[in-house]
Amino acid sequence: MASMCARLGGVLAPLINMLREPTPTVPMIIFGCAPLLGAALALALPETANQPLPDDIQDIQEPAVGTSQSHRTSEGQPLQDLTSGS
Protein backbone atom coordinates (compact mmCIF):
# COMPACT_ATOMS: atom_id res chain seq x y z
CA MET A 1 0.00 0.00 0.00
CA ALA A 2 2.77 2.42 0.94
CA SER A 3 4.70 1.58 -2.22
CA MET A 4 1.61 2.25 -4.34
CA CYS A 5 1.08 5.64 -2.68
CA ALA A 6 4.75 6.52 -3.15
CA ARG A 7 4.54 5.70 -6.83
CA LEU A 8 1.34 7.71 -7.17
CA GLY A 9 3.02 10.68 -5.49
CA GLY A 10 6.01 10.32 -7.82
CA VAL A 11 3.72 10.48 -10.83
CA LEU A 12 1.55 13.34 -9.55
CA ALA A 13 4.33 15.62 -8.24
CA PRO A 14 5.61 16.75 -11.66
CA LEU A 15 2.06 17.18 -12.92
CA ILE A 16 1.13 19.34 -9.95
CA ASN A 17 4.33 21.31 -10.42
CA MET A 18 3.30 22.03 -14.03
CA LEU A 19 0.28 23.91 -12.64
CA ARG A 20 2.72 26.67 -11.68
CA GLU A 21 2.62 28.11 -15.20
CA PRO A 22 -1.05 29.26 -15.18
CA THR A 23 -1.24 30.07 -11.44
CA PRO A 24 1.93 30.06 -9.30
CA THR A 25 0.12 29.53 -5.99
CA VAL A 26 -1.76 26.32 -6.86
CA PRO A 27 1.20 23.91 -6.34
CA MET A 28 2.05 25.59 -3.03
CA ILE A 29 -1.56 25.21 -1.86
CA ILE A 30 -1.72 21.53 -2.91
CA PHE A 31 1.67 20.64 -1.40
CA GLY A 32 0.81 22.60 1.74
CA CYS A 33 -2.63 21.05 2.25
CA ALA A 34 -1.49 17.45 1.70
CA PRO A 35 0.53 17.22 4.97
CA LEU A 36 -2.24 18.96 6.88
CA LEU A 37 -4.73 16.43 5.54
CA GLY A 38 -2.38 13.60 6.56
CA ALA A 39 -2.05 15.03 10.07
CA ALA A 40 -5.81 15.37 10.39
CA LEU A 41 -6.30 11.77 9.27
CA ALA A 42 -3.67 10.60 11.78
CA LEU A 43 -5.89 11.93 14.56
CA ALA A 44 -8.41 9.22 13.66
CA LEU A 45 -5.90 6.45 14.50
CA PRO A 46 -6.53 4.60 17.78
CA GLU A 47 -4.58 5.72 20.85
CA THR A 48 -1.86 3.26 21.88
CA ALA A 49 -0.10 5.16 24.68
CA ASN A 50 0.06 3.22 27.96
CA GLN A 51 -1.45 0.14 26.29
CA PRO A 52 0.22 -3.24 26.81
CA LEU A 53 1.94 -4.67 23.74
CA PRO A 54 1.04 -8.21 22.68
CA ASP A 55 3.62 -10.80 23.75
CA ASP A 56 2.60 -13.58 21.39
CA ILE A 57 0.15 -14.52 18.66
CA GLN A 58 -2.55 -15.52 21.15
CA ASP A 59 -2.66 -11.98 22.54
CA ILE A 60 -3.41 -10.67 19.07
CA GLN A 61 -6.04 -13.28 18.24
CA GLU A 62 -7.96 -13.00 21.53
CA PRO A 63 -10.25 -10.10 22.28
CA ALA A 64 -8.71 -7.71 24.78
CA VAL A 65 -10.57 -8.77 27.94
CA GLY A 66 -8.40 -8.29 31.02
CA THR A 67 -4.96 -9.81 31.19
CA SER A 68 -5.84 -13.47 31.81
CA GLN A 69 -2.93 -15.75 30.91
CA SER A 70 -4.14 -18.98 32.52
CA HIS A 71 -4.56 -20.93 29.27
CA ARG A 72 -1.01 -20.45 28.00
CA THR A 73 1.42 -23.31 27.53
CA SER A 74 5.17 -23.09 27.82
CA GLU A 75 5.33 -22.25 24.10
CA GLY A 76 3.08 -19.23 24.58
CA GLN A 77 4.90 -17.71 27.55
CA PRO A 78 6.09 -14.15 27.20
CA LEU A 79 9.82 -13.66 26.69
CA GLN A 80 10.19 -12.02 30.12
CA ASP A 81 8.95 -15.21 31.85
CA LEU A 82 11.35 -17.43 29.92
CA THR A 83 14.45 -15.34 30.61
CA SER A 84 13.76 -14.65 34.29
CA GLY A 85 13.75 -18.34 35.24
CA SER A 86 17.54 -18.82 35.01
C-alpha atoms as a PDB file:
ATOM      1  CA  MET A   1       0.000   0.000   0.000  1.00  0.00           C
ATOM      2  CA  ALA A   2       2.774   2.417   0.943  1.00  0.00           C
ATOM      3  CA  SER A   3       4.699   1.575  -2.222  1.00  0.00           C
ATOM      4  CA  MET A   4       1.615   2.247  -4.335  1.00  0.00           C
ATOM      5  CA  CYS A   5       1.075   5.636  -2.678  1.00  0.00           C
ATOM      6  CA  ALA A   6       4.751   6.518  -3.146  1.00  0.00           C
ATOM      7  CA  ARG A   7       4.537   5.699  -6.833  1.00  0.00           C
ATOM      8  CA  LEU A   8       1.338   7.712  -7.174  1.00  0.00           C
ATOM      9  CA  GLY A   9       3.023  10.678  -5.495  1.00  0.00           C
ATOM     10  CA  GLY A  10       6.012  10.323  -7.818  1.00  0.00           C
ATOM     11  CA  VAL A  11       3.717  10.480 -10.827  1.00  0.00           C
ATOM     12  CA  LEU A  12       1.553  13.341  -9.552  1.00  0.00           C
ATOM     13  CA  ALA A  13       4.327  15.619  -8.240  1.00  0.00           C
ATOM     14  CA  PRO A  14       5.610  16.746 -11.657  1.00  0.00           C
ATOM     15  CA  LEU A  15       2.055  17.181 -12.918  1.00  0.00           C
ATOM     16  CA  ILE A  16       1.128  19.344  -9.949  1.00  0.00           C
ATOM     17  CA  ASN A  17       4.329  21.314 -10.421  1.00  0.00           C
ATOM     18  CA  MET A  18       3.298  22.025 -14.030  1.00  0.00           C
ATOM     19  CA  LEU A  19       0.278  23.905 -12.643  1.00  0.00           C
ATOM     20  CA  ARG A  20       2.724  26.671 -11.681  1.00  0.00           C
ATOM     21  CA  GLU A  21       2.621  28.114 -15.204  1.00  0.00           C
ATOM     22  CA  PRO A  22      -1.049  29.257 -15.176  1.00  0.00           C
ATOM     23  CA  THR A  23      -1.240  30.072 -11.444  1.00  0.00           C
ATOM     24  CA  PRO A  24       1.931  30.057  -9.301  1.00  0.00           C
ATOM     25  CA  THR A  25       0.123  29.526  -5.989  1.00  0.00           C
ATOM     26  CA  VAL A  26      -1.758  26.316  -6.857  1.00  0.00           C
ATOM     27  CA  PRO A  27       1.205  23.905  -6.340  1.00  0.00           C
ATOM     28  CA  MET A  28       2.047  25.587  -3.031  1.00  0.00           C
ATOM     29  CA  ILE A  29      -1.557  25.206  -1.863  1.00  0.00           C
ATOM     30  CA  ILE A  30      -1.716  21.531  -2.907  1.00  0.00           C
ATOM     31  CA  PHE A  31       1.672  20.638  -1.402  1.00  0.00           C
ATOM     32  CA  GLY A  32       0.806  22.596   1.742  1.00  0.00           C
ATOM     33  CA  CYS A  33      -2.630  21.047   2.249  1.00  0.00           C
ATOM     34  CA  ALA A  34      -1.490  17.449   1.697  1.00  0.00           C
ATOM     35  CA  PRO A  35       0.528  17.216   4.971  1.00  0.00           C
ATOM     36  CA  LEU A  36      -2.243  18.964   6.880  1.00  0.00           C
ATOM     37  CA  LEU A  37      -4.725  16.432   5.542  1.00  0.00           C
ATOM     38  CA  GLY A  38      -2.384  13.599   6.557  1.00  0.00           C
ATOM     39  CA  ALA A  39      -2.046  15.031  10.068  1.00  0.00           C
ATOM     40  CA  ALA A  40      -5.814  15.372  10.393  1.00  0.00           C
ATOM     41  CA  LEU A  41      -6.301  11.769   9.268  1.00  0.00           C
ATOM     42  CA  ALA A  42      -3.673  10.602  11.780  1.00  0.00           C
ATOM     43  CA  LEU A  43      -5.889  11.931  14.557  1.00  0.00           C
ATOM     44  CA  ALA A  44      -8.407   9.222  13.655  1.00  0.00           C
ATOM     45  CA  LEU A  45      -5.899   6.450  14.502  1.00  0.00           C
ATOM     46  CA  PRO A  46      -6.525   4.604  17.777  1.00  0.00           C
ATOM     47  CA  GLU A  47      -4.582   5.716  20.846  1.00  0.00           C
ATOM     48  CA  THR A  48      -1.856   3.263  21.877  1.00  0.00           C
ATOM     49  CA  ALA A  49      -0.103   5.161  24.683  1.00  0.00           C
ATOM     50  CA  ASN A  50       0.061   3.220  27.965  1.00  0.00           C
ATOM     51  CA  GLN A  51      -1.446   0.144  26.290  1.00  0.00           C
ATOM     52  CA  PRO A  52       0.222  -3.244  26.805  1.00  0.00           C
ATOM     53  CA  LEU A  53       1.938  -4.667  23.743  1.00  0.00           C
ATOM     54  CA  PRO A  54       1.042  -8.212  22.684  1.00  0.00           C
ATOM     55  CA  ASP A  55       3.624 -10.798  23.753  1.00  0.00           C
ATOM     56  CA  ASP A  56       2.603 -13.583  21.394  1.00  0.00           C
ATOM     57  CA  ILE A  57       0.148 -14.521  18.660  1.00  0.00           C
ATOM     58  CA  GLN A  58      -2.545 -15.524  21.149  1.00  0.00           C
ATOM     59  CA  ASP A  59      -2.662 -11.983  22.540  1.00  0.00           C
ATOM     60  CA  ILE A  60      -3.406 -10.675  19.067  1.00  0.00           C
ATOM     61  CA  GLN A  61      -6.045 -13.278  18.243  1.00  0.00           C
ATOM     62  CA  GLU A  62      -7.962 -12.998  21.528  1.00  0.00           C
ATOM     63  CA  PRO A  63     -10.254 -10.101  22.278  1.00  0.00           C
ATOM     64  CA  ALA A  64      -8.706  -7.710  24.781  1.00  0.00           C
ATOM     65  CA  VAL A  65     -10.567  -8.769  27.940  1.00  0.00           C
ATOM     66  CA  GLY A  66      -8.401  -8.288  31.021  1.00  0.00           C
ATOM     67  CA  THR A  67      -4.956  -9.815  31.194  1.00  0.00           C
ATOM     68  CA  SER A  68      -5.840 -13.465  31.813  1.00  0.00           C
ATOM     69  CA  GLN A  69      -2.932 -15.748  30.914  1.00  0.00           C
ATOM     70  CA  SER A  70      -4.139 -18.982  32.521  1.00  0.00           C
ATOM     71  CA  HIS A  71      -4.561 -20.928  29.265  1.00  0.00           C
ATOM     72  CA  ARG A  72      -1.006 -20.452  28.000  1.00  0.00           C
ATOM     73  CA  THR A  73       1.416 -23.314  27.530  1.00  0.00           C
ATOM     74  CA  SER A  74       5.174 -23.085  27.817  1.00  0.00           C
ATOM     75  CA  GLU A  75       5.332 -22.246  24.096  1.00  0.00           C
ATOM     76  CA  GLY A  76       3.079 -19.231  24.576  1.00  0.00           C
ATOM     77  CA  GLN A  77       4.897 -17.711  27.550  1.00  0.00           C
ATOM     78  CA  PRO A  78       6.093 -14.151  27.196  1.00  0.00           C
ATOM     79  CA  LEU A  79       9.817 -13.658  26.693  1.00  0.00           C
ATOM     80  CA  GLN A  80      10.193 -12.016  30.124  1.00  0.00           C
ATOM     81  CA  ASP A  81       8.949 -15.209  31.850  1.00  0.00           C
ATOM     82  CA  LEU A  82      11.347 -17.428  29.919  1.00  0.00           C
ATOM     83  CA  THR A  83      14.447 -15.343  30.609  1.00  0.00           C
ATOM     84  CA  SER A  84      13.761 -14.646  34.292  1.00  0.00           C
ATOM     85  CA  GLY A  85      13.752 -18.339  35.243  1.00  0.00           C
ATOM     86  CA  SER A  86      17.537 -18.816  35.007  1.00  0.00           C
END
